[in-house]
Amino acid sequence: MSETNNLNNIFISGWGGYKELLPSLAEKTNFYVPFIDPPEIIKDSIKRGGKTLMGWSTGAHIISKDIPENTDKWENIVLIAPFSDFTKSFGTKILDAMIKGLHYNFYKTMNLFYQRCGIKKQIDAKENDASKLITGLEFLKTSRLVKNSNTGKITVIYGTNDQIVKKKEILYLLKIFNNSHFTEVDQPHFINENILSEFL
C-alpha cells in the first residue's frame, strides 16, 4: 500500500474485505482493509484528501462518521452499502456468534459470512488476522453515526439483494445525508467491482 496518494482515490473495504475480493479497484486506488490496516493510517489518508473517497460496508461507515470534517478535501464521496448502526441490520447476537466462531472455526465462520455477502469466489482469509477481525466486530457492536451533512458530493450505492444491510438503514442514512445521490443496483451486499469502477 502506497503512502503517497498518487491516484487521488482511496477505497476502504468492508470487514474481512481483502484485496483479492476487488483486485481491479485495488490497482486503481489506495486500498485499505479496516482493522487489518491500522485505523490511524486510514484516518490520516482520509484527511489528506483527493479525488474520490470510496468505502464499502464497514469502510463506508468509517467514512460516514467523519464526513463533515472531510467533505471539503474530496471531490466525490461514494458510500457502498453504508449503515448508521450495524446492529440494526446484523444483530449483536449474530456478531457475538461470529466472534465465537472466529475463535473456534475461523475458516468456516469467514466463508459463511462471505456467502451471505454474495461472494462466490474462494477468499484466502488469514487466520493470523483473527484478533484484528474480532476487534472489528466489537467496533460494529457499538459504533453509531451521529453527524449529519447536506453536501451534494455523496453518492450512496445499494444492492437490491443485500442480505447484510437492511434497506431501512439506507433510507435512514439518506435522511442524515439529505442532499446525497442514491443509486440502486441489482446486486447483493458485495457489488461487482466493474459497477463500482464507474464511480471513480
Protein backbone atom coordinates (compact mmCIF):
# COMPACT_ATOMS: atom_id res chain seq x y z
CA MET A 1 0.00 0.00 0.00
CA SER A 2 1.45 3.32 -1.05
CA GLU A 3 1.60 6.13 1.45
CA THR A 4 1.57 8.58 -1.46
CA ASN A 5 -1.91 9.03 -2.87
CA ASN A 6 -0.78 9.48 -6.47
CA LEU A 7 -4.11 8.37 -7.88
CA ASN A 8 -6.09 10.64 -5.56
CA ASN A 9 -8.51 7.78 -4.97
CA ILE A 10 -9.00 5.81 -1.76
CA PHE A 11 -11.05 2.65 -1.27
CA ILE A 12 -11.81 1.49 2.26
CA SER A 13 -13.11 -2.05 2.12
CA GLY A 14 -15.55 -3.90 4.32
CA TRP A 15 -14.91 -6.15 7.30
CA GLY A 16 -12.74 -9.01 6.04
CA GLY A 17 -12.64 -7.34 2.63
CA TYR A 18 -9.21 -8.38 1.42
CA LYS A 19 -7.75 -7.05 -1.83
CA GLU A 20 -8.41 -10.37 -3.57
CA LEU A 21 -12.11 -9.53 -3.50
CA LEU A 22 -11.66 -6.37 -5.55
CA PRO A 23 -8.37 -6.68 -7.47
CA SER A 24 -9.19 -4.07 -10.10
CA LEU A 25 -10.15 -1.47 -7.51
CA ALA A 26 -7.05 -2.35 -5.51
CA GLU A 27 -4.95 -1.39 -8.54
CA LYS A 28 -6.79 1.88 -9.15
CA THR A 29 -6.87 3.13 -5.55
CA ASN A 30 -5.01 3.26 -2.29
CA PHE A 31 -6.83 0.28 -0.82
CA TYR A 32 -7.34 -0.27 2.92
CA VAL A 33 -8.93 -3.09 4.90
CA PRO A 34 -10.43 -1.85 8.19
CA PHE A 35 -8.75 -3.22 11.33
CA ILE A 36 -6.26 -5.21 9.23
CA ASP A 37 -4.70 -1.90 8.27
CA PRO A 38 -4.12 0.38 11.29
CA PRO A 39 -7.03 2.81 11.92
CA GLU A 40 -4.67 5.77 12.27
CA ILE A 41 -3.22 5.17 8.79
CA ILE A 42 -6.71 5.02 7.29
CA LYS A 43 -7.78 8.17 9.12
CA ASP A 44 -4.64 10.06 8.06
CA SER A 45 -5.17 9.04 4.42
CA ILE A 46 -8.75 10.32 4.50
CA LYS A 47 -7.59 13.63 5.97
CA ARG A 48 -5.13 14.17 3.11
CA GLY A 49 -7.96 14.40 0.59
CA GLY A 50 -8.05 13.73 -3.13
CA LYS A 51 -10.45 12.97 -5.95
CA THR A 52 -12.68 10.05 -4.91
CA LEU A 53 -13.12 8.61 -1.42
CA MET A 54 -14.98 5.33 -1.67
CA GLY A 55 -15.96 2.87 1.05
CA TRP A 56 -17.85 -0.40 1.12
CA SER A 57 -19.93 -1.54 4.13
CA THR A 58 -17.73 -1.06 7.23
CA GLY A 59 -15.46 1.17 5.14
CA ALA A 60 -18.46 3.30 4.19
CA HIS A 61 -19.44 3.53 7.85
CA ILE A 62 -15.95 4.68 8.84
CA ILE A 63 -16.03 7.36 6.15
CA SER A 64 -19.55 8.44 7.14
CA LYS A 65 -18.60 9.10 10.74
CA ASP A 66 -16.26 11.93 9.77
CA ILE A 67 -17.83 13.30 6.59
CA PRO A 68 -18.46 16.83 7.95
CA GLU A 69 -14.75 17.20 8.75
CA ASN A 70 -13.52 15.81 5.43
CA THR A 71 -16.07 16.89 2.81
CA ASP A 72 -14.05 19.85 1.53
CA LYS A 73 -10.99 17.66 0.98
CA TRP A 74 -12.65 15.37 -1.59
CA GLU A 75 -14.28 15.90 -4.98
CA ASN A 76 -16.51 12.83 -4.59
CA ILE A 77 -17.51 10.54 -1.71
CA VAL A 78 -19.05 7.17 -2.59
CA LEU A 79 -20.69 5.05 0.11
CA ILE A 80 -21.47 1.46 -0.87
CA ALA A 81 -23.94 -0.41 1.38
CA PRO A 82 -23.38 2.03 4.26
CA PHE A 83 -25.11 1.93 7.63
CA SER A 84 -25.54 4.15 10.65
CA ASP A 85 -25.80 1.28 13.16
CA PHE A 86 -24.77 -2.19 12.05
CA THR A 87 -26.70 -3.91 14.84
CA LYS A 88 -29.98 -2.73 13.28
CA SER A 89 -29.23 -4.99 10.31
CA PHE A 90 -26.98 -7.66 11.79
CA GLY A 91 -27.90 -8.14 15.45
CA THR A 92 -25.49 -8.17 18.37
CA LYS A 93 -26.18 -11.87 18.98
CA ILE A 94 -25.03 -12.68 15.46
CA LEU A 95 -21.88 -10.61 15.94
CA ASP A 96 -21.18 -12.42 19.21
CA ALA A 97 -21.65 -15.75 17.43
CA MET A 98 -19.19 -14.67 14.76
CA ILE A 99 -16.65 -13.68 17.40
CA LYS A 100 -17.00 -17.11 18.98
CA GLY A 101 -16.76 -18.72 15.56
CA LEU A 102 -13.53 -16.92 14.75
CA HIS A 103 -12.03 -18.41 17.90
CA TYR A 104 -13.14 -21.99 17.23
CA ASN A 105 -13.66 -22.38 13.47
CA PHE A 106 -12.10 -19.42 11.69
CA TYR A 107 -12.42 -20.52 8.06
CA LYS A 108 -15.99 -21.77 8.34
CA THR A 109 -17.06 -18.51 10.00
CA MET A 110 -15.40 -16.37 7.33
CA ASN A 111 -16.78 -18.47 4.47
CA LEU A 112 -20.34 -18.30 5.83
CA PHE A 113 -20.08 -14.52 6.08
CA TYR A 114 -18.68 -14.22 2.56
CA GLN A 115 -21.51 -16.37 1.23
CA ARG A 116 -24.09 -14.14 2.88
CA CYS A 117 -22.40 -11.14 1.27
CA GLY A 118 -22.95 -12.78 -2.13
CA ILE A 119 -19.27 -13.53 -2.70
CA LYS A 120 -18.92 -16.59 -4.91
CA LYS A 121 -15.16 -16.92 -5.29
CA GLN A 122 -12.91 -18.51 -2.69
CA ILE A 123 -11.18 -15.93 -0.49
CA ASP A 124 -7.99 -16.78 1.36
CA ALA A 125 -8.85 -15.23 4.72
CA LYS A 126 -5.85 -15.17 7.03
CA GLU A 127 -6.24 -16.83 10.40
CA ASN A 128 -3.41 -14.66 11.75
CA ASP A 129 -5.81 -11.73 11.33
CA ALA A 130 -8.42 -13.26 13.68
CA SER A 131 -7.75 -10.91 16.59
CA LYS A 132 -7.94 -7.85 14.31
CA LEU A 133 -11.17 -9.10 12.77
CA ILE A 134 -12.62 -9.63 16.25
CA THR A 135 -11.67 -6.03 17.09
CA GLY A 136 -13.67 -5.01 14.03
CA LEU A 137 -16.74 -6.94 15.17
CA GLU A 138 -16.53 -5.37 18.62
CA PHE A 139 -16.38 -1.97 16.92
CA LEU A 140 -19.51 -2.78 14.90
CA LYS A 141 -21.40 -3.67 18.07
CA THR A 142 -21.09 -0.13 19.42
CA SER A 143 -20.28 2.31 16.60
CA ARG A 144 -23.05 4.77 15.67
CA LEU A 145 -23.35 7.52 13.09
CA VAL A 146 -24.47 10.76 14.71
CA LYS A 147 -23.29 13.57 12.40
CA ASN A 148 -25.48 14.99 9.65
CA SER A 149 -24.34 16.51 6.35
CA ASN A 150 -26.12 18.10 3.39
CA THR A 151 -23.24 18.03 0.93
CA GLY A 152 -24.06 17.09 -2.64
CA LYS A 153 -20.75 15.28 -3.05
CA ILE A 154 -22.05 11.99 -1.61
CA THR A 155 -23.28 9.07 -3.72
CA VAL A 156 -24.92 6.13 -1.92
CA ILE A 157 -24.98 2.77 -3.73
CA TYR A 158 -27.12 -0.13 -2.51
CA GLY A 159 -27.67 -3.63 -3.84
CA THR A 160 -31.33 -4.63 -4.00
CA ASN A 161 -30.39 -8.20 -3.00
CA ASP A 162 -28.34 -7.16 0.03
CA GLN A 163 -28.67 -9.70 2.87
CA ILE A 164 -26.37 -7.83 5.25
CA VAL A 165 -27.54 -4.19 5.40
CA LYS A 166 -31.29 -3.63 5.51
CA LYS A 167 -32.97 -1.11 3.21
CA LYS A 168 -34.33 0.83 6.20
CA GLU A 169 -30.75 1.61 7.23
CA ILE A 170 -30.08 3.06 3.79
CA LEU A 171 -33.23 5.18 3.94
CA TYR A 172 -32.25 6.46 7.39
CA LEU A 173 -28.76 7.31 6.20
CA LEU A 174 -30.18 9.18 3.17
CA LYS A 175 -32.03 11.40 5.63
CA ILE A 176 -28.79 12.09 7.51
CA PHE A 177 -27.08 12.93 4.20
CA ASN A 178 -30.12 14.65 2.77
CA ASN A 179 -28.52 16.09 -0.36
CA SER A 180 -26.85 12.88 -1.49
CA HIS A 181 -27.35 10.94 -4.72
CA PHE A 182 -28.82 7.45 -4.46
CA THR A 183 -28.25 4.54 -6.84
CA GLU A 184 -29.75 1.04 -6.52
CA VAL A 185 -28.23 -1.87 -8.44
CA ASP A 186 -29.34 -5.46 -8.90
CA GLN A 187 -26.58 -6.85 -6.70
CA PRO A 188 -26.03 -8.49 -3.29
CA HIS A 189 -24.12 -6.82 -0.45
CA PHE A 190 -20.92 -7.44 -2.40
CA ILE A 191 -21.28 -5.32 -5.52
CA ASN A 192 -19.33 -6.20 -8.67
CA GLU A 193 -16.23 -4.07 -8.94
CA ASN A 194 -16.94 -3.27 -12.60
CA ILE A 195 -20.02 -1.37 -11.42
CA LEU A 196 -18.09 0.39 -8.66
CA SER A 197 -15.25 1.39 -11.00
CA GLU A 198 -17.72 3.58 -12.91
CA PHE A 199 -17.91 5.87 -9.86
CA LEU A 200 -14.16 6.52 -9.64
